[in-house]
Amino acid sequence: MRVHVVYEPDGKIIALADLDGEGGVGVRPLPQKGREFAQIDVPDAYAGLPLSGLYERLRLEVGPEGPRAHWRQA
């Protein structure tokens, strides 16, 4: 599973969207000025969670090479 993440320069997550969802329109939030976006792989252990659960567990560390995902356990 992959998610589309809009985030601020300090790594604060603004929005998530499921890139692998079936059916419907593939909606992806767009970043406003000063924000960025990335596509993040979700580990199998978290793939069954709703987006709200992923939001609660995902933290981004932003560095010169881009964002790096850190996952908290439930």
PDB file of N, CA and C in Angstrom:
ATOM      1  N   MET A   1       0.846  -1.174   0.000  1.00  0.00           N
ATOM      2  CA  MET A   1       0.000   0.000   0.000  1.00  0.00           C
ATOM      3  C   MET A   1       0.891   1.237   0.000  1.00  0.00           C
ATOM      4  N   ARG A   2       0.426   2.254  -0.710  1.00  0.00           N
ATOM      5  CA  ARG A   2       1.134   3.536  -0.758  1.00  0.00           C
ATOM      6  C   ARG A   2       0.143   4.646  -0.435  1.00  0.00           C
ATOM      7  N   VAL A   3       0.655   5.678   0.230  1.00  0.00           N
ATOM      8  CA  VAL A   3      -0.175   6.845   0.515  1.00  0.00           C
ATOM      9  C   VAL A   3       0.496   8.095  -0.039  1.00  0.00           C
ATOM     10  N   HIS A   4      -0.333   9.029  -0.429  1.00  0.00           N
ATOM     11  CA  HIS A   4       0.079  10.349  -0.880  1.00  0.00           C
ATOM     12  C   HIS A   4      -0.006  11.237   0.356  1.00  0.00           C
ATOM     13  N   VAL A   5       1.090  11.905   0.716  1.00  0.00           N
ATOM     14  CA  VAL A   5       1.157  12.693   1.942  1.00  0.00           C
ATOM     15  C   VAL A   5       1.499  14.142   1.605  1.00  0.00           C
ATOM     16  N   VAL A   6       0.696  15.058   2.088  1.00  0.00           N
ATOM     17  CA  VAL A   6       1.013  16.490   2.009  1.00  0.00           C
ATOM     18  C   VAL A   6       1.525  16.885   3.392  1.00  0.00           C
ATOM     19  N   TYR A   7       2.668  17.577   3.426  1.00  0.00           N
ATOM     20  CA  TYR A   7       3.302  17.896   4.699  1.00  0.00           C
ATOM     21  C   TYR A   7       3.968  19.266   4.667  1.00  0.00           C
ATOM     22  N   GLU A   8       4.221  19.787   5.861  1.00  0.00           N
ATOM     23  CA  GLU A   8       4.912  21.063   6.012  1.00  0.00           C
ATOM     24  C   GLU A   8       6.415  20.808   6.107  1.00  0.00           C
ATOM     25  N   PRO A   9       7.237  21.845   5.940  1.00  0.00           N
ATOM     26  CA  PRO A   9       8.691  21.665   5.968  1.00  0.00           C
ATOM     27  C   PRO A   9       9.224  21.016   7.247  1.00  0.00           C
ATOM     28  N   ASP A  10       8.494  21.166   8.363  1.00  0.00           N
ATOM     29  CA  ASP A  10       8.940  20.552   9.617  1.00  0.00           C
ATOM     30  C   ASP A  10       8.481  19.099   9.764  1.00  0.00           C
ATOM     31  N   GLY A  11       7.780  18.575   8.745  1.00  0.00           N
ATOM     32  CA  GLY A  11       7.332  17.186   8.760  1.00  0.00           C
ATOM     33  C   GLY A  11       5.908  16.990   9.229  1.00  0.00           C
ATOM     34  N   LYS A  12       5.244  18.062   9.648  1.00  0.00           N
ATOM     35  CA  LYS A  12       3.851  17.943  10.097  1.00  0.00           C
ATOM     36  C   LYS A  12       2.979  17.515   8.919  1.00  0.00           C
ATOM     37  N   ILE A  13       2.212  16.440   9.118  1.00  0.00           N
ATOM     38  CA  ILE A  13       1.363  15.905   8.059  1.00  0.00           C
ATOM     39  C   ILE A  13       0.064  16.704   8.009  1.00  0.00           C
ATOM     40  N   ILE A  14      -0.287  17.135   6.805  1.00  0.00           N
ATOM     41  CA  ILE A  14      -1.495  17.920   6.582  1.00  0.00           C
ATOM     42  C   ILE A  14      -2.611  17.036   6.045  1.00  0.00           C
ATOM     43  N   ALA A  15      -2.288  16.111   5.127  1.00  0.00           N
ATOM     44  CA  ALA A  15      -3.317  15.275   4.503  1.00  0.00           C
ATOM     45  C   ALA A  15      -2.711  13.964   3.999  1.00  0.00           C
ATOM     46  N   LEU A  16      -3.556  12.927   3.977  1.00  0.00           N
ATOM     47  CA  LEU A  16      -3.183  11.615   3.432  1.00  0.00           C
ATOM     48  C   LEU A  16      -4.237  11.178   2.428  1.00  0.00           C
ATOM     49  N   ALA A  17      -3.814  10.460   1.411  1.00  0.00           N
ATOM     50  CA  ALA A  17      -4.743   9.850   0.460  1.00  0.00           C
ATOM     51  C   ALA A  17      -4.197   8.471   0.082  1.00  0.00           C
ATOM     52  N   ASP A  18      -5.084   7.503  -0.050  1.00  0.00           N
ATOM     53  CA  ASP A  18      -4.722   6.136  -0.413  1.00  0.00           C
ATOM     54  C   ASP A  18      -4.482   6.073  -1.921  1.00  0.00           C
ATOM     55  N   LEU A  19      -3.279   5.711  -2.331  1.00  0.00           N
ATOM     56  CA  LEU A  19      -2.963   5.615  -3.765  1.00  0.00           C
ATOM     57  C   LEU A  19      -3.375   4.280  -4.360  1.00  0.00           C
ATOM     58  N   ASP A  20      -3.629   3.281  -3.526  1.00  0.00           N
ATOM     59  CA  ASP A  20      -3.944   1.945  -4.014  1.00  0.00           C
ATOM     60  C   ASP A  20      -5.425   1.612  -3.942  1.00  0.00           C
ATOM     61  N   GLY A  21      -6.256   2.525  -3.470  1.00  0.00           N
ATOM     62  CA  GLY A  21      -7.685   2.257  -3.324  1.00  0.00           C
ATOM     63  C   GLY A  21      -8.331   1.937  -4.656  1.00  0.00           C
ATOM     64  N   GLU A  22      -9.268   1.020  -4.629  1.00  0.00           N
ATOM     65  CA  GLU A  22      -9.959   0.637  -5.862  1.00  0.00           C
ATOM     66  C   GLU A  22     -11.268   1.402  -5.983  1.00  0.00           C
ATOM     67  N   GLY A  23     -11.665   1.681  -7.215  1.00  0.00           N
ATOM     68  CA  GLY A  23     -12.932   2.350  -7.474  1.00  0.00           C
ATOM     69  C   GLY A  23     -12.863   3.831  -7.143  1.00  0.00           C
ATOM     70  N   GLY A  24     -13.852   4.556  -7.598  1.00  0.00           N
ATOM     71  CA  GLY A  24     -13.921   5.981  -7.305  1.00  0.00           C
ATOM     72  C   GLY A  24     -12.842   6.769  -8.032  1.00  0.00           C
ATOM     73  N   VAL A  25     -12.851   8.044  -7.782  1.00  0.00           N
ATOM     74  CA  VAL A  25     -11.884   8.950  -8.397  1.00  0.00           C
ATOM     75  C   VAL A  25     -10.631   8.971  -7.541  1.00  0.00           C
ATOM     76  N   GLY A  26      -9.478   8.905  -8.167  1.00  0.00           N
ATOM     77  CA  GLY A  26      -8.219   8.947  -7.434  1.00  0.00           C
ATOM     78  C   GLY A  26      -7.923  10.354  -6.963  1.00  0.00           C
ATOM     79  N   VAL A  27      -8.439  10.727  -5.818  1.00  0.00           N
ATOM     80  CA  VAL A  27      -8.274  12.072  -5.288  1.00  0.00           C
ATOM     81  C   VAL A  27      -6.944  12.170  -4.550  1.00  0.00           C
ATOM     82  N   ARG A  28      -6.201  13.220  -4.853  1.00  0.00           N
ATOM     83  CA  ARG A  28      -4.936  13.494  -4.171  1.00  0.00           C
ATOM     84  C   ARG A  28      -4.912  14.958  -3.764  1.00  0.00           C
ATOM     85  N   PRO A  29      -4.759  15.223  -2.478  1.00  0.00           N
ATOM     86  CA  PRO A  29      -4.678  16.626  -2.060  1.00  0.00           C
ATOM     87  C   PRO A  29      -3.429  17.293  -2.624  1.00  0.00           C
ATOM     88  N   LEU A  30      -3.570  18.538  -3.007  1.00  0.00           N
ATOM     89  CA  LEU A  30      -2.442  19.297  -3.541  1.00  0.00           C
ATOM     90  C   LEU A  30      -1.864  20.192  -2.458  1.00  0.00           C
ATOM     91  N   PRO A  31      -0.537  20.290  -2.421  1.00  0.00           N
ATOM     92  CA  PRO A  31       0.073  21.150  -1.414  1.00  0.00           C
ATOM     93  C   PRO A  31      -0.085  22.624  -1.778  1.00  0.00           C
ATOM     94  N   GLN A  32      -0.325  23.437  -0.772  1.00  0.00           N
ATOM     95  CA  GLN A  32      -0.337  24.877  -0.970  1.00  0.00           C
ATOM     96  C   GLN A  32       1.099  25.376  -0.888  1.00  0.00           C
ATOM     97  N   LYS A  33       1.286  26.655  -1.164  1.00  0.00           N
ATOM     98  CA  LYS A  33       2.614  27.250  -1.126  1.00  0.00           C
ATOM     99  C   LYS A  33       3.294  26.966   0.212  1.00  0.00           C
ATOM    100  N   GLY A  34       4.535  26.549   0.171  1.00  0.00           N
ATOM    101  CA  GLY A  34       5.299  26.273   1.372  1.00  0.00           C
ATOM    102  C   GLY A  34       5.154  24.852   1.890  1.00  0.00           C
ATOM    103  N   ARG A  35       4.338  24.042   1.225  1.00  0.00           N
ATOM    104  CA  ARG A  35       4.150  22.647   1.623  1.00  0.00           C
ATOM    105  C   ARG A  35       4.630  21.743   0.506  1.00  0.00           C
ATOM    106  N   GLU A  36       4.860  20.493   0.840  1.00  0.00           N
ATOM    107  CA  GLU A  36       5.360  19.514  -0.120  1.00  0.00           C
ATOM    108  C   GLU A  36       4.458  18.286  -0.108  1.00  0.00           C
ATOM    109  N   PHE A  37       4.726  17.364  -1.051  1.00  0.00           N
ATOM    110  CA  PHE A  37       4.020  16.089  -1.029  1.00  0.00           C
ATOM    111  C   PHE A  37       5.000  14.974  -1.349  1.00  0.00           C
ATOM    112  N   ALA A  38       4.636  13.771  -0.935  1.00  0.00           N
ATOM    113  CA  ALA A  38       5.456  12.589  -1.187  1.00  0.00           C
ATOM    114  C   ALA A  38       4.545  11.376  -1.243  1.00  0.00           C
ATOM    115  N   GLN A  39       5.067  10.317  -1.853  1.00  0.00           N
ATOM    116  CA  GLN A  39       4.388   9.033  -1.826  1.00  0.00           C
ATOM    117  C   GLN A  39       5.179   8.130  -0.898  1.00  0.00           C
ATOM    118  N   ILE A  40       4.492   7.590   0.095  1.00  0.00           N
ATOM    119  CA  ILE A  40       5.124   6.806   1.145  1.00  0.00           C
ATOM    120  C   ILE A  40       4.596   5.377   1.111  1.00  0.00           C
ATOM    121  N   ASP A  41       5.501   4.406   1.178  1.00  0.00           N
ATOM    122  CA  ASP A  41       5.101   3.003   1.280  1.00  0.00           C
ATOM    123  C   ASP A  41       4.659   2.712   2.703  1.00  0.00           C
ATOM    124  N   VAL A  42       3.529   2.025   2.833  1.00  0.00           N
ATOM    125  CA  VAL A  42       2.997   1.643   4.139  1.00  0.00           C
ATOM    126  C   VAL A  42       3.430   0.205   4.414  1.00  0.00           C
ATOM    127  N   PRO A  43       4.060  -0.060   5.553  1.00  0.00           N
ATOM    128  CA  PRO A  43       4.450  -1.439   5.880  1.00  0.00           C
ATOM    129  C   PRO A  43       3.221  -2.346   5.964  1.00  0.00           C
ATOM    130  N   ASP A  44       3.403  -3.618   5.638  1.00  0.00           N
ATOM    131  CA  ASP A  44       2.296  -4.570   5.649  1.00  0.00           C
ATOM    132  C   ASP A  44       1.544  -4.588   6.971  1.00  0.00           C
ATOM    133  N   ALA A  45       2.244  -4.413   8.071  1.00  0.00           N
ATOM    134  CA  ALA A  45       1.614  -4.452   9.391  1.00  0.00           C
ATOM    135  C   ALA A  45       0.575  -3.340   9.577  1.00  0.00           C
ATOM    136  N   TYR A  46       0.656  -2.275   8.786  1.00  0.00           N
ATOM    137  CA  TYR A  46      -0.252  -1.144   8.917  1.00  0.00           C
ATOM    138  C   TYR A  46      -1.230  -1.036   7.745  1.00  0.00           C
ATOM    139  N   ALA A  47      -1.079  -1.871   6.746  1.00  0.00           N
ATOM    140  CA  ALA A  47      -1.845  -1.737   5.508  1.00  0.00           C
ATOM    141  C   ALA A  47      -3.356  -1.874   5.698  1.00  0.00           C
ATOM    142  N   GLY A  48      -3.812  -2.551   6.734  1.00  0.00           N
ATOM    143  CA  GLY A  48      -5.243  -2.719   6.948  1.00  0.00           C
ATOM    144  C   GLY A  48      -5.896  -1.586   7.715  1.00  0.00           C
ATOM    145  N   LEU A  49      -5.109  -0.624   8.163  1.00  0.00           N
ATOM    146  CA  LEU A  49      -5.647   0.491   8.944  1.00  0.00           C
ATOM    147  C   LEU A  49      -6.332   1.520   8.049  1.00  0.00           C
ATOM    148  N   PRO A  50      -7.363   2.196   8.571  1.00  0.00           N
ATOM    149  CA  PRO A  50      -7.943   3.314   7.818  1.00  0.00           C
ATOM    150  C   PRO A  50      -6.949   4.474   7.793  1.00  0.00           C
ATOM    151  N   LEU A  51      -7.188   5.442   6.932  1.00  0.00           N
ATOM    152  CA  LEU A  51      -6.280   6.591   6.836  1.00  0.00           C
ATOM    153  C   LEU A  51      -6.106   7.298   8.172  1.00  0.00           C
ATOM    154  N   SER A  52      -7.154   7.357   8.974  1.00  0.00           N
ATOM    155  CA  SER A  52      -7.034   8.010  10.284  1.00  0.00           C
ATOM    156  C   SER A  52      -6.040   7.270  11.179  1.00  0.00           C
ATOM    157  N   GLY A  53      -6.009   5.944  11.086  1.00  0.00           N
ATOM    158  CA  GLY A  53      -5.053   5.157  11.852  1.00  0.00           C
ATOM    159  C   GLY A  53      -3.632   5.352  11.356  1.00  0.00           C
ATOM    160  N   LEU A  54      -3.478   5.460  10.040  1.00  0.00           N
ATOM    161  CA  LEU A  54      -2.149   5.716   9.468  1.00  0.00           C
ATOM    162  C   LEU A  54      -1.658   7.095   9.896  1.00  0.00           C
ATOM    163  N   TYR A  55      -2.560   8.072   9.870  1.00  0.00           N
ATOM    164  CA  TYR A  55      -2.198   9.438  10.276  1.00  0.00           C
ATOM    165  C   TYR A  55      -1.681   9.459  11.707  1.00  0.00           C
ATOM    166  N   GLU A  56      -2.321   8.700  12.584  1.00  0.00           N
ATOM    167  CA  GLU A  56      -1.918   8.665  13.997  1.00  0.00           C
ATOM    168  C   GLU A  56      -0.557   8.011  14.202  1.00  0.00           C
ATOM    169  N   ARG A  57      -0.164   7.111  13.316  1.00  0.00           N
ATOM    170  CA  ARG A  57       1.069   6.348  13.510  1.00  0.00           C
ATOM    171  C   ARG A  57       2.258   6.838  12.683  1.00  0.00           C
ATOM    172  N   LEU A  58       1.999   7.601  11.646  1.00  0.00           N
ATOM    173  CA  LEU A  58       3.059   8.056  10.742  1.00  0.00           C
ATOM    174  C   LEU A  58       3.659   9.375  11.210  1.00  0.00           C
ATOM    175  N   ARG A  59       4.970   9.425  11.232  1.00  0.00           N
ATOM    176  CA  ARG A  59       5.710  10.660  11.490  1.00  0.00           C
ATOM    177  C   ARG A  59       6.726  10.814  10.365  1.00  0.00           C
ATOM    178  N   LEU A  60       6.915  12.044   9.914  1.00  0.00           N
ATOM    179  CA  LEU A  60       7.897  12.308   8.865  1.00  0.00           C
ATOM    180  C   LEU A  60       9.070  13.081   9.437  1.00  0.00           C
ATOM    181  N   GLU A  61      10.253  12.665   9.027  1.00  0.00           N
ATOM    182  CA  GLU A  61      11.478  13.398   9.322  1.00  0.00           C
ATOM    183  C   GLU A  61      11.950  13.931   7.977  1.00  0.00           C
ATOM    184  N   VAL A  62      12.054  15.238   7.867  1.00  0.00           N
ATOM    185  CA  VAL A  62      12.404  15.855   6.588  1.00  0.00           C
ATOM    186  C   VAL A  62      13.866  16.279   6.625  1.00  0.00           C
ATOM    187  N   GLY A  63      14.616  15.829   5.635  1.00  0.00           N
ATOM    188  CA  GLY A  63      16.024  16.171   5.526  1.00  0.00           C
ATOM    189  C   GLY A  63      16.376  16.548   4.104  1.00  0.00           C
ATOM    190  N   PRO A  64      17.649  16.718   3.810  1.00  0.00           N
ATOM    191  CA  PRO A  64      18.081  17.129   2.471  1.00  0.00           C
ATOM    192  C   PRO A  64      17.702  16.131   1.379  1.00  0.00           C
ATOM    193  N   GLU A  65      17.514  14.878   1.749  1.00  0.00           N
ATOM    194  CA  GLU A  65      17.155  13.858   0.764  1.00  0.00           C
ATOM    195  C   GLU A  65      15.653  13.623   0.690  1.00  0.00           C
ATOM    196  N   GLY A  66      14.889  14.488   1.350  1.00  0.00           N
ATOM    197  CA  GLY A  66      13.442  14.363   1.324  1.00  0.00           C
ATOM    198  C   GLY A  66      12.899  13.776   2.610  1.00  0.00           C
ATOM    199  N   PRO A  67      11.595  13.450   2.611  1.00  0.00           N
ATOM    200  CA  PRO A  67      10.981  12.937   3.830  1.00  0.00           C
ATOM    201  C   PRO A  67      11.322  11.470   4.074  1.00  0.00           C
ATOM    202  N   ARG A  68      11.404  11.137   5.343  1.00  0.00           N
ATOM    203  CA  ARG A  68      11.647   9.752   5.743  1.00  0.00           C
ATOM    204  C   ARG A  68      10.544   9.351   6.721  1.00  0.00           C
ATOM    205  N   ALA A  69       9.893   8.227   6.471  1.00  0.00           N
ATOM    206  CA  ALA A  69       8.764   7.781   7.287  1.00  0.00           C
ATOM    207  C   ALA A  69       9.246   7.037   8.528  1.00  0.00           C
ATOM    208  N   HIS A  70       8.578   7.331   9.642  1.00  0.00           N
ATOM    209  CA  HIS A  70       8.779   6.618  10.900  1.00  0.00           C
ATOM    210  C   HIS A  70       7.400   6.173  11.362  1.00  0.00           C
ATOM    211  N   TRP A  71       7.255   4.899  11.696  1.00  0.00           N
ATOM    212  CA  TRP A  71       5.958   4.346  12.085  1.00  0.00           C
ATOM    213  C   TRP A  71       5.948   3.971  13.553  1.00  0.00           C
ATOM    214  N   ARG A  72       4.954   4.463  14.289  1.00  0.00           N
ATOM    215  CA  ARG A  72       4.773   4.111  15.692  1.00  0.00           C
ATOM    216  C   ARG A  72       3.885   2.882  15.781  1.00  0.00           C
ATOM    217  N   GLN A  73       4.165   2.038  16.746  1.00  0.00           N
ATOM    218  CA  GLN A  73       3.315   0.871  16.978  1.00  0.00           C
ATOM    219  C   GLN A  73       2.077   1.296  17.750  1.00  0.00           C
ATOM    220  N   ALA A  74       1.022   0.537  17.566  1.00  0.00           N
ATOM    221  CA  ALA A  74      -0.242   0.834  18.253  1.00  0.00           C
ATOM    222  C   ALA A  74      -0.128   0.523  19.732  1.00  0.00           C
TER     223      ALA A  74
END
